[in-house]
Amino acid sequence: MEKAKEFVRRVLLFKFKAETAPDLVEQLIKDSSNLVSLVESLKSWHMGKDASIENLNESFTHVFELTFEDAKGIAAYMVHPAHLEFHDRICPHLEKIVVIDYKPTPFHT
């Protein structure tokens, strides 16, 4: 029996600098979404804006979830020219970022 592939997800939380114009934020998000068609190891890309009513977001406004086939896929993404170029463009506009990589784990009771 073939072992099932264990994909890895990367979750990113972004806190943009206050002086970053909203239209620039939107353009950067659009550019980020293009990475899924440029980086072979990036299998899916999802994003959303904070919509919590609890106000526990610590000023993080955007969340991104990227899916890779495995940890090697993340490593390939990290050095891919399209990612590096995007990284160089977005970082000056970020006050803070959180990155968490995880393997989804089934939980059965």
Protein backbone atom coordinates (compact mmCIF):
# COMPACT_ATOMS: atom_id res chain seq x y z
CA MET A 1 0.00 0.00 0.00
CA GLU A 2 1.38 3.43 -0.99
CA LYS A 3 1.87 5.90 1.82
CA ALA A 4 -0.37 8.96 1.58
CA LYS A 5 1.40 12.24 0.83
CA GLU A 6 1.77 14.46 3.86
CA PHE A 7 1.31 18.01 2.76
CA VAL A 8 2.49 20.99 4.79
CA ARG A 9 0.68 24.26 5.33
CA ARG A 10 2.24 27.63 5.98
CA VAL A 11 0.16 30.24 7.82
CA LEU A 12 1.29 33.85 7.69
CA LEU A 13 -0.13 36.73 9.72
CA PHE A 14 0.64 40.23 8.44
CA LYS A 15 0.53 43.54 10.27
CA PHE A 16 1.06 46.27 7.69
CA LYS A 17 2.67 49.55 8.65
CA ALA A 18 0.15 52.31 9.34
CA GLU A 19 1.60 54.47 6.58
CA THR A 20 1.11 51.79 3.91
CA ALA A 21 -1.68 52.98 1.64
CA PRO A 22 -4.69 50.63 1.38
CA ASP A 23 -4.40 50.49 -2.42
CA LEU A 24 -0.77 49.35 -2.08
CA VAL A 25 -1.83 46.67 0.42
CA GLU A 26 -4.39 45.41 -2.09
CA GLN A 27 -1.81 45.38 -4.90
CA LEU A 28 0.68 43.46 -2.75
CA ILE A 29 -2.01 40.89 -1.91
CA LYS A 30 -2.86 40.52 -5.60
CA ASP A 31 0.84 40.05 -6.37
CA SER A 32 1.08 37.44 -3.60
CA SER A 33 -1.78 35.47 -5.13
CA ASN A 34 0.19 35.22 -8.39
CA LEU A 35 2.90 33.17 -6.65
CA VAL A 36 0.72 30.05 -6.85
CA SER A 37 1.05 30.12 -10.65
CA LEU A 38 4.78 30.96 -10.59
CA VAL A 39 6.14 28.58 -7.93
CA GLU A 40 5.61 24.90 -8.76
CA SER A 41 5.92 23.69 -5.17
CA LEU A 42 3.14 26.05 -3.99
CA LYS A 43 -0.05 24.02 -4.49
CA SER A 44 -2.69 26.41 -3.12
CA TRP A 45 -3.00 29.94 -1.74
CA HIS A 46 -5.80 31.38 0.38
CA MET A 47 -6.09 34.67 2.22
CA GLY A 48 -8.51 36.64 4.30
CA LYS A 49 -8.83 39.76 6.38
CA ASP A 50 -9.39 39.66 10.11
CA ALA A 51 -13.12 39.54 10.82
CA SER A 52 -13.03 38.67 14.52
CA ILE A 53 -15.37 40.43 16.92
CA GLU A 54 -13.13 39.55 19.88
CA ASN A 55 -10.39 42.07 19.07
CA LEU A 56 -7.64 39.55 19.86
CA ASN A 57 -5.77 39.98 16.57
CA GLU A 58 -2.89 41.99 18.07
CA SER A 59 -3.27 44.37 15.07
CA PHE A 60 -2.63 41.63 12.51
CA THR A 61 -5.01 42.33 9.66
CA HIS A 62 -4.38 39.66 7.02
CA VAL A 63 -3.92 35.89 7.12
CA PHE A 64 -2.51 33.74 4.33
CA GLU A 65 -2.53 29.96 4.08
CA LEU A 66 -0.20 28.29 1.59
CA THR A 67 -0.16 24.56 0.91
CA PHE A 68 2.91 22.59 -0.17
CA GLU A 69 3.34 18.87 -0.92
CA ASP A 70 6.03 18.58 1.76
CA ALA A 71 8.73 20.48 3.66
CA LYS A 72 11.00 20.32 0.61
CA GLY A 73 8.33 22.31 -1.23
CA ILE A 74 8.60 25.10 1.33
CA ALA A 75 12.38 25.06 1.00
CA ALA A 76 12.06 25.36 -2.80
CA TYR A 77 9.55 28.21 -2.37
CA MET A 78 11.85 30.12 -0.02
CA VAL A 79 14.62 30.38 -2.64
CA HIS A 80 12.42 30.72 -5.73
CA PRO A 81 13.18 33.99 -7.59
CA ALA A 82 9.48 34.98 -7.72
CA HIS A 83 9.15 34.58 -3.94
CA LEU A 84 12.41 36.44 -3.26
CA GLU A 85 11.32 39.34 -5.47
CA PHE A 86 7.92 39.51 -3.76
CA HIS A 87 9.55 39.24 -0.32
CA ASP A 88 11.79 42.22 -1.12
CA ARG A 89 8.77 44.29 -2.20
CA ILE A 90 6.44 43.50 0.70
CA CYS A 91 8.83 43.51 3.68
CA PRO A 92 9.32 47.29 3.78
CA HIS A 93 5.55 47.61 4.29
CA LEU A 94 5.22 45.10 7.12
CA GLU A 95 5.46 46.10 10.76
CA LYS A 96 5.27 42.51 11.93
CA ILE A 97 4.82 39.01 10.53
CA VAL A 98 4.16 35.61 12.08
CA VAL A 99 4.92 32.40 10.16
CA ILE A 100 3.81 28.94 11.24
CA ASP A 101 4.40 25.77 9.22
CA TYR A 102 2.42 22.67 10.18
CA LYS A 103 1.40 19.25 8.97
CA PRO A 104 -2.37 18.83 9.31
CA THR A 105 -2.94 16.11 11.86
CA PRO A 106 -6.14 14.06 11.91
CA PHE A 107 -7.69 13.88 15.32
CA HIS A 108 -10.05 11.06 16.20
CA THR A 109 -11.87 10.57 19.47
